[in-house]
Amino acid sequence: MAEEQVLVIPEGRLSLLGNFSGFRPFCAEAFAALLDPQYMEFRPRSTVEEDPTFKQLIPYVMLQADVDGSTHVFQYQRGKGQGEKRLHSLRSVGVGGHISKEDASGEDLYRSGMLRELGEEITIGSAYTEDLVGFIYDDTSPVGRVHLGVVHRLKLETPDAGGRESELVDSGFRPLTDVKAKLDELETWSQLCITHLF
């Protein structure tokens, strides 16, 4: 089986976001520039996982819903079969993954990849609104240095979503207050989202 080819941009393109580390609020102009086809390419995943001169673009989708007047957030624990070994057993509030070469056949390869990943990992049985809310770059860890997260927030009318993959363990909506109280159990990207968006 051929190796997965994933979407990357050169490290220098991070300057469009102001060379930040952590969370940065969404900027439509910078996002459009990041997706400039002139700078996007597909490379073997095994190569770019260890090469910080390229950043893998990762849609990172958060789901939230109001239940009896309080905010609830979709969360899960990453199982051992999920692709990124460095994140196994951590809890997450983000769903998503790499944009693959197979997504390039559509008109908007980024959106095609985001929707494919979302559909592979979870089911959503509620109407929702979607907003792009931020970027995540974590240069403090090996996994963080090779990825750039684009944070989407889905606000569901009802808390009707569940894990489709067996690797999304103990998934479901939890009160935001509970998630915040156990912030140290979350992967870094999820900690950044919870801290900056709520």
N, C-alpha and C. Protein backbone atom coordinates (compact mmCIF):
# COMPACT_ATOMS: atom_id res chain seq x y z
N MET A 1 0.84 -1.19 0.00
CA MET A 1 0.00 0.00 0.00
C MET A 1 0.88 1.25 0.00
N ALA A 2 0.55 2.20 -0.86
CA ALA A 2 1.35 3.42 -0.97
C ALA A 2 1.24 4.25 0.30
N GLU A 3 2.32 4.94 0.62
CA GLU A 3 2.33 5.77 1.83
C GLU A 3 1.44 6.99 1.65
N GLU A 4 0.79 7.38 2.75
CA GLU A 4 -0.08 8.55 2.72
C GLU A 4 0.73 9.81 2.43
N GLN A 5 0.22 10.60 1.49
CA GLN A 5 0.81 11.90 1.17
C GLN A 5 -0.05 12.97 1.83
N VAL A 6 0.57 13.84 2.65
CA VAL A 6 -0.20 14.82 3.41
C VAL A 6 0.16 16.24 2.99
N LEU A 7 -0.81 17.12 3.15
CA LEU A 7 -0.64 18.52 2.77
C LEU A 7 0.28 19.25 3.74
N VAL A 8 1.27 19.94 3.18
CA VAL A 8 2.19 20.73 4.00
C VAL A 8 2.40 22.10 3.36
N ILE A 9 2.85 23.03 4.20
CA ILE A 9 3.30 24.34 3.73
C ILE A 9 4.70 24.57 4.29
N PRO A 10 5.53 25.38 3.61
CA PRO A 10 6.87 25.65 4.13
C PRO A 10 6.80 26.41 5.46
N GLU A 11 7.76 26.14 6.32
CA GLU A 11 7.79 26.78 7.65
C GLU A 11 7.71 28.30 7.56
N GLY A 12 8.34 28.89 6.54
CA GLY A 12 8.35 30.34 6.40
C GLY A 12 6.98 30.97 6.28
N ARG A 13 5.99 30.18 5.85
CA ARG A 13 4.63 30.73 5.69
C ARG A 13 3.98 31.04 7.04
N LEU A 14 4.54 30.51 8.13
CA LEU A 14 4.01 30.83 9.46
C LEU A 14 4.11 32.32 9.76
N SER A 15 5.02 33.01 9.08
CA SER A 15 5.18 34.45 9.31
C SER A 15 3.90 35.21 8.99
N LEU A 16 3.03 34.62 8.17
CA LEU A 16 1.72 35.24 7.86
C LEU A 16 0.88 35.38 9.12
N LEU A 17 1.16 34.55 10.11
CA LEU A 17 0.41 34.58 11.37
C LEU A 17 1.17 35.31 12.48
N GLY A 18 2.33 35.86 12.13
CA GLY A 18 3.08 36.62 13.12
C GLY A 18 4.05 35.81 13.96
N ASN A 19 4.50 34.66 13.45
CA ASN A 19 5.46 33.82 14.18
C ASN A 19 5.09 33.65 15.65
N PHE A 20 3.93 33.08 15.88
CA PHE A 20 3.41 32.89 17.24
C PHE A 20 3.65 31.47 17.72
N SER A 21 3.47 31.26 19.00
CA SER A 21 3.42 29.92 19.58
C SER A 21 2.25 29.90 20.54
N GLY A 22 1.41 28.87 20.43
CA GLY A 22 0.21 28.80 21.25
C GLY A 22 -1.03 28.97 20.39
N PHE A 23 -1.94 29.84 20.84
CA PHE A 23 -3.20 30.06 20.14
C PHE A 23 -3.22 31.47 19.57
N ARG A 24 -3.75 31.60 18.35
CA ARG A 24 -3.93 32.92 17.76
C ARG A 24 -5.33 33.00 17.17
N PRO A 25 -6.07 34.09 17.42
CA PRO A 25 -7.42 34.22 16.86
C PRO A 25 -7.39 34.14 15.33
N PHE A 26 -8.49 33.66 14.77
CA PHE A 26 -8.58 33.45 13.32
C PHE A 26 -8.48 34.76 12.56
N CYS A 27 -7.79 34.72 11.42
CA CYS A 27 -7.68 35.85 10.50
C CYS A 27 -7.94 35.31 9.10
N ALA A 28 -9.04 35.73 8.48
CA ALA A 28 -9.43 35.20 7.16
C ALA A 28 -8.39 35.50 6.10
N GLU A 29 -7.80 36.67 6.15
CA GLU A 29 -6.80 37.07 5.15
C GLU A 29 -5.57 36.17 5.24
N ALA A 30 -5.10 35.93 6.45
CA ALA A 30 -3.93 35.06 6.63
C ALA A 30 -4.24 33.62 6.22
N PHE A 31 -5.46 33.16 6.53
CA PHE A 31 -5.85 31.79 6.17
C PHE A 31 -5.86 31.62 4.66
N ALA A 32 -6.42 32.61 3.95
CA ALA A 32 -6.45 32.54 2.48
C ALA A 32 -5.02 32.49 1.93
N ALA A 33 -4.12 33.26 2.53
CA ALA A 33 -2.73 33.26 2.06
C ALA A 33 -2.04 31.93 2.37
N LEU A 34 -2.37 31.32 3.51
CA LEU A 34 -1.80 30.01 3.85
C LEU A 34 -2.19 28.95 2.82
N LEU A 35 -3.40 29.10 2.26
CA LEU A 35 -3.91 28.12 1.30
C LEU A 35 -3.55 28.47 -0.15
N ASP A 36 -2.62 29.38 -0.34
CA ASP A 36 -2.15 29.74 -1.68
C ASP A 36 -1.55 28.49 -2.32
N PRO A 37 -2.14 28.02 -3.43
CA PRO A 37 -1.67 26.77 -4.07
C PRO A 37 -0.18 26.79 -4.42
N GLN A 38 0.36 27.97 -4.62
CA GLN A 38 1.77 28.11 -4.98
C GLN A 38 2.69 27.53 -3.90
N TYR A 39 2.22 27.53 -2.65
CA TYR A 39 3.06 27.09 -1.54
C TYR A 39 2.65 25.74 -0.95
N MET A 40 1.52 25.22 -1.37
CA MET A 40 1.05 23.95 -0.82
C MET A 40 1.63 22.78 -1.62
N GLU A 41 1.96 21.72 -0.92
CA GLU A 41 2.39 20.50 -1.61
C GLU A 41 2.08 19.29 -0.74
N PHE A 42 2.10 18.13 -1.38
CA PHE A 42 1.89 16.88 -0.66
C PHE A 42 3.22 16.16 -0.53
N ARG A 43 3.50 15.68 0.68
CA ARG A 43 4.75 14.97 0.94
C ARG A 43 4.44 13.71 1.76
N PRO A 44 5.33 12.71 1.72
CA PRO A 44 5.10 11.48 2.49
C PRO A 44 5.00 11.81 3.99
N ARG A 45 3.98 11.27 4.62
CA ARG A 45 3.74 11.58 6.03
C ARG A 45 4.93 11.21 6.92
N SER A 46 5.55 10.06 6.65
CA SER A 46 6.66 9.61 7.50
C SER A 46 7.83 10.60 7.45
N THR A 47 8.00 11.27 6.33
CA THR A 47 9.09 12.24 6.17
C THR A 47 8.80 13.52 6.92
N VAL A 48 7.58 14.05 6.76
CA VAL A 48 7.28 15.36 7.35
C VAL A 48 6.99 15.28 8.85
N GLU A 49 6.71 14.08 9.37
CA GLU A 49 6.49 13.95 10.82
C GLU A 49 7.75 14.29 11.62
N GLU A 50 8.90 14.23 10.96
CA GLU A 50 10.17 14.51 11.65
C GLU A 50 10.87 15.73 11.07
N ASP A 51 10.19 16.50 10.23
CA ASP A 51 10.84 17.62 9.53
C ASP A 51 10.12 18.94 9.81
N PRO A 52 10.60 19.72 10.80
CA PRO A 52 9.91 20.96 11.15
C PRO A 52 10.05 22.08 10.12
N THR A 53 10.77 21.84 9.01
CA THR A 53 10.83 22.88 7.97
C THR A 53 9.54 22.90 7.15
N PHE A 54 8.68 21.90 7.37
CA PHE A 54 7.34 21.89 6.78
C PHE A 54 6.31 21.77 7.89
N LYS A 55 5.17 22.42 7.70
CA LYS A 55 4.08 22.34 8.68
C LYS A 55 2.89 21.63 8.03
N GLN A 56 2.40 20.60 8.69
CA GLN A 56 1.22 19.89 8.21
C GLN A 56 -0.02 20.65 8.67
N LEU A 57 -0.90 21.00 7.73
CA LEU A 57 -2.13 21.72 8.07
C LEU A 57 -3.16 20.73 8.60
N ILE A 58 -3.66 21.00 9.80
CA ILE A 58 -4.60 20.09 10.46
C ILE A 58 -5.89 20.82 10.83
N PRO A 59 -7.02 20.49 10.20
CA PRO A 59 -8.30 21.01 10.70
C PRO A 59 -8.56 20.40 12.07
N TYR A 60 -8.92 21.22 13.04
CA TYR A 60 -9.14 20.78 14.42
C TYR A 60 -10.52 21.30 14.81
N VAL A 61 -11.50 20.39 14.84
CA VAL A 61 -12.90 20.78 14.96
C VAL A 61 -13.42 20.52 16.38
N MET A 62 -13.89 21.58 17.02
CA MET A 62 -14.50 21.48 18.35
C MET A 62 -16.02 21.52 18.21
N LEU A 63 -16.70 20.71 19.01
CA LEU A 63 -18.17 20.71 19.02
C LEU A 63 -18.65 21.17 20.39
N GLN A 64 -19.63 22.05 20.40
CA GLN A 64 -20.22 22.46 21.67
C GLN A 64 -21.73 22.56 21.51
N ALA A 65 -22.43 22.45 22.64
CA ALA A 65 -23.89 22.56 22.65
C ALA A 65 -24.30 23.08 24.02
N ASP A 66 -25.40 23.80 24.04
CA ASP A 66 -25.96 24.25 25.32
C ASP A 66 -26.94 23.20 25.82
N VAL A 67 -26.79 22.82 27.07
CA VAL A 67 -27.70 21.86 27.72
C VAL A 67 -28.22 22.53 28.98
N ASP A 68 -29.52 22.79 29.01
CA ASP A 68 -30.13 23.45 30.17
C ASP A 68 -29.39 24.73 30.56
N GLY A 69 -29.00 25.49 29.53
CA GLY A 69 -28.37 26.78 29.80
C GLY A 69 -26.89 26.76 30.10
N SER A 70 -26.27 25.58 30.09
CA SER A 70 -24.82 25.54 30.32
C SER A 70 -24.10 24.92 29.12
N THR A 71 -22.90 25.41 28.86
CA THR A 71 -22.11 24.95 27.72
C THR A 71 -21.54 23.56 27.98
N HIS A 72 -21.75 22.67 27.02
CA HIS A 72 -21.15 21.34 27.04
C HIS A 72 -20.24 21.21 25.82
N VAL A 73 -19.14 20.47 25.99
CA VAL A 73 -18.14 20.31 24.94
C VAL A 73 -17.96 18.82 24.64
N PHE A 74 -17.88 18.49 23.34
CA PHE A 74 -17.62 17.10 22.94
C PHE A 74 -16.15 16.79 23.22
N GLN A 75 -15.90 15.65 23.88
CA GLN A 75 -14.53 15.25 24.19
C GLN A 75 -14.41 13.74 24.14
N TYR A 76 -13.20 13.27 24.08
CA TYR A 76 -12.94 11.83 24.00
C TYR A 76 -11.51 11.55 24.42
N GLN A 77 -11.21 10.28 24.61
CA GLN A 77 -9.84 9.86 24.87
C GLN A 77 -9.30 9.19 23.62
N ARG A 78 -8.07 9.55 23.25
CA ARG A 78 -7.47 8.95 22.06
C ARG A 78 -7.03 7.52 22.36
N GLY A 79 -7.47 6.58 21.50
CA GLY A 79 -7.08 5.19 21.65
C GLY A 79 -5.73 4.92 21.01
N LYS A 80 -5.22 3.72 21.24
CA LYS A 80 -3.88 3.38 20.75
C LYS A 80 -3.82 3.22 19.24
N GLY A 81 -4.96 3.01 18.59
CA GLY A 81 -4.94 2.81 17.15
C GLY A 81 -4.98 4.10 16.35
N GLN A 82 -5.15 5.22 17.01
CA GLN A 82 -5.19 6.49 16.27
C GLN A 82 -3.80 6.78 15.72
N GLY A 83 -3.75 7.49 14.60
CA GLY A 83 -2.52 7.68 13.85
C GLY A 83 -1.35 8.28 14.60
N GLU A 84 -1.56 9.32 15.38
CA GLU A 84 -0.46 10.04 16.02
C GLU A 84 -0.11 9.40 17.36
N LYS A 85 0.92 8.53 17.35
CA LYS A 85 1.29 7.77 18.55
C LYS A 85 1.64 8.67 19.74
N ARG A 86 2.16 9.87 19.43
CA ARG A 86 2.60 10.75 20.52
C ARG A 86 1.43 11.33 21.31
N LEU A 87 0.19 11.12 20.84
CA LEU A 87 -0.98 11.65 21.53
C LEU A 87 -1.83 10.57 22.20
N HIS A 88 -1.42 9.30 22.09
CA HIS A 88 -2.23 8.21 22.64
C HIS A 88 -2.51 8.41 24.12
N SER A 89 -3.73 8.05 24.52
CA SER A 89 -4.21 8.07 25.90
C SER A 89 -4.52 9.46 26.44
N LEU A 90 -4.28 10.51 25.66
CA LEU A 90 -4.64 11.85 26.10
C LEU A 90 -6.10 12.13 25.73
N ARG A 91 -6.74 13.01 26.48
CA ARG A 91 -8.10 13.43 26.16
C ARG A 91 -8.04 14.59 25.18
N SER A 92 -9.10 14.73 24.38
CA SER A 92 -9.12 15.76 23.35
C SER A 92 -10.51 16.36 23.20
N VAL A 93 -10.56 17.63 22.83
CA VAL A 93 -11.84 18.26 22.46
C VAL A 93 -11.85 18.59 20.97
N GLY A 94 -10.83 18.13 20.24
CA GLY A 94 -10.73 18.43 18.81
C GLY A 94 -10.79 17.18 17.97
N VAL A 95 -11.54 17.26 16.87
CA VAL A 95 -11.65 16.15 15.92
C VAL A 95 -11.07 16.62 14.59
N GLY A 96 -10.30 15.77 13.95
CA GLY A 96 -9.75 16.15 12.65
C GLY A 96 -8.48 15.39 12.37
N GLY A 97 -7.81 15.79 11.31
CA GLY A 97 -6.58 15.10 10.95
C GLY A 97 -5.98 15.68 9.69
N HIS A 98 -5.06 14.95 9.13
CA HIS A 98 -4.31 15.42 7.98
C HIS A 98 -5.19 15.58 6.74
N ILE A 99 -4.80 16.53 5.90
CA ILE A 99 -5.38 16.66 4.56
C ILE A 99 -4.54 15.76 3.66
N SER A 100 -5.18 14.80 3.01
CA SER A 100 -4.45 13.83 2.19
C SER A 100 -4.59 14.15 0.71
N LYS A 101 -3.73 13.52 -0.08
CA LYS A 101 -3.74 13.77 -1.52
C LYS A 101 -5.09 13.42 -2.13
N GLU A 102 -5.79 12.43 -1.54
CA GLU A 102 -7.11 12.04 -2.05
C GLU A 102 -8.11 13.20 -1.96
N ASP A 103 -7.86 14.16 -1.08
CA ASP A 103 -8.77 15.30 -0.94
C ASP A 103 -8.59 16.33 -2.05
N ALA A 104 -7.50 16.20 -2.81
CA ALA A 104 -7.17 17.20 -3.82
C ALA A 104 -8.08 17.15 -5.04
N SER A 105 -8.90 16.11 -5.17
CA SER A 105 -9.77 16.00 -6.35
C SER A 105 -10.94 16.98 -6.28
N GLY A 106 -11.25 17.46 -5.08
CA GLY A 106 -12.36 18.40 -4.93
C GLY A 106 -11.94 19.82 -5.26
N GLU A 107 -12.92 20.70 -5.26
CA GLU A 107 -12.67 22.11 -5.58
C GLU A 107 -11.88 22.80 -4.47
N ASP A 108 -12.22 22.47 -3.22
CA ASP A 108 -11.57 23.08 -2.06
C ASP A 108 -10.94 21.95 -1.25
N LEU A 109 -9.66 21.68 -1.50
CA LEU A 109 -9.04 20.50 -0.90
C LEU A 109 -9.00 20.58 0.62
N TYR A 110 -8.82 21.77 1.18
CA TYR A 110 -8.79 21.89 2.64
C TYR A 110 -10.15 21.49 3.22
N ARG A 111 -11.21 22.08 2.68
CA ARG A 111 -12.56 21.78 3.21
C ARG A 111 -12.93 20.32 2.97
N SER A 112 -12.58 19.80 1.80
CA SER A 112 -12.85 18.39 1.51
C SER A 112 -12.19 17.49 2.55
N GLY A 113 -10.94 17.80 2.89
CA GLY A 113 -10.22 17.01 3.88
C GLY A 113 -10.81 17.14 5.27
N MET A 114 -11.21 18.36 5.63
CA MET A 114 -11.82 18.58 6.94
C MET A 114 -13.11 17.78 7.07
N LEU A 115 -13.97 17.85 6.06
CA LEU A 115 -15.24 17.13 6.11
C LEU A 115 -15.04 15.62 6.08
N ARG A 116 -14.04 15.15 5.32
CA ARG A 116 -13.75 13.70 5.28
C ARG A 116 -13.33 13.22 6.67
N GLU A 117 -12.39 13.93 7.28
CA GLU A 117 -11.91 13.54 8.62
C GLU A 117 -13.05 13.55 9.63
N LEU A 118 -13.87 14.59 9.58
CA LEU A 118 -15.00 14.71 10.51
C LEU A 118 -15.94 13.52 10.34
N GLY A 119 -16.26 13.19 9.08
CA GLY A 119 -17.17 12.09 8.79
C GLY A 119 -16.61 10.73 9.16
N GLU A 120 -15.28 10.58 9.08
CA GLU A 120 -14.65 9.31 9.45
C GLU A 120 -14.64 9.10 10.97
N GLU A 121 -14.53 10.19 11.71
CA GLU A 121 -14.32 10.07 13.16
C GLU A 121 -15.59 10.16 13.98
N ILE A 122 -16.57 10.96 13.55
CA ILE A 122 -17.77 11.14 14.38
C ILE A 122 -19.04 11.17 13.53
N THR A 123 -20.17 11.00 14.21
CA THR A 123 -21.48 11.23 13.60
C THR A 123 -22.08 12.45 14.28
N ILE A 124 -22.77 13.27 13.50
CA ILE A 124 -23.45 14.44 14.05
C ILE A 124 -24.92 14.35 13.66
N GLY A 125 -25.80 14.31 14.65
CA GLY A 125 -27.23 14.17 14.39
C GLY A 125 -28.01 15.44 14.66
N SER A 126 -27.31 16.56 14.70
CA SER A 126 -27.96 17.84 15.02
C SER A 126 -27.60 18.87 13.97
N ALA A 127 -28.48 19.84 13.78
CA ALA A 127 -28.12 21.00 12.98
C ALA A 127 -27.06 21.79 13.74
N TYR A 128 -26.22 22.51 13.00
CA TYR A 128 -25.17 23.28 13.67
C TYR A 128 -24.74 24.48 12.83
N THR A 129 -24.08 25.41 13.49
CA THR A 129 -23.42 26.52 12.80
C THR A 129 -21.92 26.30 12.95
N GLU A 130 -21.16 26.81 11.98
CA GLU A 130 -19.71 26.59 11.99
C GLU A 130 -18.99 27.93 11.88
N ASP A 131 -17.93 28.07 12.67
CA ASP A 131 -17.07 29.25 12.60
C ASP A 131 -15.62 28.81 12.64
N LEU A 132 -14.78 29.52 11.89
CA LEU A 132 -13.34 29.36 12.03
C LEU A 132 -12.92 30.33 13.12
N VAL A 133 -12.24 29.83 14.15
CA VAL A 133 -12.00 30.66 15.33
C VAL A 133 -10.53 30.87 15.69
N GLY A 134 -9.61 30.11 15.11
CA GLY A 134 -8.22 30.33 15.50
C GLY A 134 -7.22 29.40 14.83
N PHE A 135 -5.97 29.63 15.19
CA PHE A 135 -4.86 28.81 14.75
C PHE A 135 -4.09 28.32 15.98
N ILE A 136 -3.51 27.14 15.88
CA ILE A 136 -2.69 26.60 16.96
C ILE A 136 -1.34 26.17 16.40
N TYR A 137 -0.30 26.63 17.07
CA TYR A 137 1.05 26.17 16.75
C TYR A 137 1.80 26.04 18.07
N ASP A 138 2.31 24.87 18.34
CA ASP A 138 2.98 24.60 19.61
C ASP A 138 4.42 24.20 19.34
N ASP A 139 5.34 25.14 19.51
CA ASP A 139 6.74 24.83 19.21
C ASP A 139 7.49 24.25 20.41
N THR A 140 6.75 23.84 21.45
CA THR A 140 7.40 23.31 22.65
C THR A 140 7.53 21.78 22.63
N SER A 141 6.98 21.13 21.61
CA SER A 141 7.05 19.66 21.55
C SER A 141 7.33 19.20 20.12
N PRO A 142 7.93 18.02 19.97
CA PRO A 142 8.22 17.51 18.62
C PRO A 142 6.97 17.38 17.76
N VAL A 143 5.84 16.92 18.33
CA VAL A 143 4.62 16.78 17.53
C VAL A 143 4.06 18.15 17.17
N GLY A 144 4.16 19.10 18.09
CA GLY A 144 3.65 20.44 17.84
C GLY A 144 4.42 21.19 16.78
N ARG A 145 5.72 20.95 16.69
CA ARG A 145 6.57 21.70 15.76
C ARG A 145 6.33 21.35 14.30
N VAL A 146 5.66 20.25 14.03
CA VAL A 146 5.46 19.84 12.63
C VAL A 146 4.01 19.99 12.17
N HIS A 147 3.15 20.58 13.02
CA HIS A 147 1.74 20.74 12.68
C HIS A 147 1.28 22.17 12.91
N LEU A 148 0.33 22.62 12.08
CA LEU A 148 -0.36 23.90 12.28
C LEU A 148 -1.85 23.60 12.30
N GLY A 149 -2.48 23.87 13.42
CA GLY A 149 -3.91 23.59 13.57
C GLY A 149 -4.76 24.77 13.14
N VAL A 150 -5.85 24.47 12.45
CA VAL A 150 -6.86 25.48 12.09
C VAL A 150 -8.12 25.09 12.86
N VAL A 151 -8.52 25.93 13.81
CA VAL A 151 -9.58 25.57 14.75
C VAL A 151 -10.95 26.00 14.23
N HIS A 152 -11.84 25.01 14.11
CA HIS A 152 -13.24 25.22 13.72
C HIS A 152 -14.09 24.99 14.97
N ARG A 153 -15.13 25.79 15.14
CA ARG A 153 -16.06 25.56 16.24
C ARG A 153 -17.45 25.31 15.65
N LEU A 154 -18.01 24.12 15.97
CA LEU A 154 -19.38 23.80 15.56
C LEU A 154 -20.28 23.96 16.78
N LYS A 155 -21.29 24.81 16.65
CA LYS A 155 -22.28 24.98 17.72
C LYS A 155 -23.52 24.19 17.33
N LEU A 156 -23.74 23.08 18.03
CA LEU A 156 -24.85 22.19 17.73
C LEU A 156 -26.11 22.65 18.45
N GLU A 157 -27.26 22.46 17.79
CA GLU A 157 -28.53 22.81 18.43
C GLU A 157 -28.85 21.87 19.58
N THR A 158 -28.45 20.60 19.43
CA THR A 158 -28.62 19.61 20.50
C THR A 158 -27.32 18.82 20.63
N PRO A 159 -27.02 18.25 21.80
CA PRO A 159 -25.76 17.52 21.98
C PRO A 159 -25.82 16.11 21.38
N ASP A 160 -26.05 16.06 20.08
CA ASP A 160 -26.22 14.78 19.39
C ASP A 160 -25.03 14.53 18.48
N ALA A 161 -23.99 13.93 19.04
CA ALA A 161 -22.80 13.56 18.27
C ALA A 161 -22.12 12.42 19.02
N GLY A 162 -21.47 11.55 18.27
CA GLY A 162 -20.80 10.42 18.89
C GLY A 162 -19.61 9.97 18.08
N GLY A 163 -18.71 9.24 18.72
CA GLY A 163 -17.54 8.73 18.04
C GLY A 163 -17.90 7.61 17.08
N ARG A 164 -17.40 7.68 15.88
CA ARG A 164 -17.62 6.62 14.89
C ARG A 164 -16.47 5.61 14.95
N GLU A 165 -15.26 6.10 15.21
CA GLU A 165 -14.10 5.23 15.29
C GLU A 165 -14.00 4.61 16.68
N SER A 166 -13.60 3.34 16.72
CA SER A 166 -13.43 2.68 18.02
C SER A 166 -12.28 3.31 18.80
N GLU A 167 -11.43 4.05 18.10
CA GLU A 167 -10.29 4.68 18.76
C GLU A 167 -10.66 5.96 19.49
N LEU A 168 -11.89 6.43 19.33
CA LEU A 168 -12.37 7.57 20.12
C LEU A 168 -13.10 6.99 21.33
N VAL A 169 -12.35 6.81 22.40
CA VAL A 169 -12.84 6.13 23.60
C VAL A 169 -13.55 7.12 24.52
N ASP A 170 -14.63 6.63 25.17
CA ASP A 170 -15.33 7.45 26.17
C ASP A 170 -15.69 8.82 25.60
N SER A 171 -16.31 8.81 24.42
CA SER A 171 -16.64 10.08 23.77
C SER A 171 -18.04 10.56 24.17
N GLY A 172 -18.23 11.85 24.11
CA GLY A 172 -19.53 12.44 24.39
C GLY A 172 -19.38 13.86 24.90
N PHE A 173 -20.52 14.48 25.16
CA PHE A 173 -20.51 15.86 25.66
C PHE A 173 -20.37 15.87 27.18
N ARG A 174 -19.54 16.79 27.65
CA ARG A 174 -19.36 16.99 29.09
C ARG A 174 -19.51 18.47 29.39
N PRO A 175 -19.97 18.81 30.59
CA PRO A 175 -20.06 20.23 30.95
C PRO A 175 -18.68 20.89 30.84
N LEU A 176 -18.67 22.09 30.30
CA LEU A 176 -17.42 22.83 30.16
C LEU A 176 -16.71 22.97 31.51
N THR A 177 -17.47 23.13 32.57
CA THR A 177 -16.86 23.27 33.90
C THR A 177 -16.06 22.02 34.27
N ASP A 178 -16.57 20.83 33.91
CA ASP A 178 -15.85 19.58 34.19
C ASP A 178 -14.57 19.48 33.36
N VAL A 179 -14.68 19.88 32.08
CA VAL A 179 -13.52 19.82 31.19
C VAL A 179 -12.43 20.77 31.70
N LYS A 180 -12.84 21.97 32.09
CA LYS A 180 -11.86 22.94 32.61
C LYS A 180 -11.20 22.45 33.90
N ALA A 181 -11.96 21.74 34.71
CA ALA A 181 -11.43 21.25 35.99
C ALA A 181 -10.37 20.17 35.79
N LYS A 182 -10.39 19.52 34.62
CA LYS A 182 -9.42 18.45 34.33
C LYS A 182 -8.56 18.83 33.13
N LEU A 183 -8.18 20.09 33.07
CA LEU A 183 -7.42 20.62 31.93
C LEU A 183 -6.12 19.85 31.71
N ASP A 184 -5.49 19.39 32.79
CA ASP A 184 -4.21 18.70 32.67
C ASP A 184 -4.32 17.33 32.03
N GLU A 185 -5.55 16.81 31.86
CA GLU A 185 -5.74 15.52 31.19
C GLU A 185 -5.82 15.67 29.67
N LEU A 186 -5.91 16.92 29.20
CA LEU A 186 -6.09 17.18 27.77
C LEU A 186 -4.76 17.33 27.05
N GLU A 187 -4.75 16.95 25.76
CA GLU A 187 -3.59 17.23 24.92
C GLU A 187 -3.41 18.75 24.83
N THR A 188 -2.21 19.17 24.47
CA THR A 188 -1.87 20.60 24.48
C THR A 188 -2.82 21.43 23.63
N TRP A 189 -3.13 20.99 22.41
CA TRP A 189 -4.01 21.77 21.54
C TRP A 189 -5.37 21.98 22.20
N SER A 190 -5.90 20.95 22.85
CA SER A 190 -7.20 21.08 23.52
C SER A 190 -7.11 22.04 24.70
N GLN A 191 -6.03 21.98 25.44
CA GLN A 191 -5.84 22.93 26.53
C GLN A 191 -5.86 24.37 26.01
N LEU A 192 -5.17 24.59 24.90
CA LEU A 192 -5.12 25.93 24.31
C LEU A 192 -6.51 26.40 23.88
N CYS A 193 -7.28 25.51 23.26
CA CYS A 193 -8.63 25.86 22.81
C CYS A 193 -9.54 26.21 23.99
N ILE A 194 -9.54 25.36 25.00
CA ILE A 194 -10.41 25.60 26.16
C ILE A 194 -10.02 26.91 26.85
N THR A 195 -8.74 27.14 26.99
CA THR A 195 -8.26 28.34 27.68
C THR A 195 -8.59 29.62 26.92
N HIS A 196 -8.46 29.59 25.60
CA HIS A 196 -8.61 30.82 24.81
C HIS A 196 -10.01 31.06 24.28
N LEU A 197 -10.82 30.03 24.19
CA LEU A 197 -12.14 30.19 23.56
C LEU A 197 -13.29 30.23 24.56
N PHE A 198 -13.03 29.93 25.83
CA PHE A 198 -14.11 29.92 26.82
C PHE A 198 -13.72 30.74 28.05
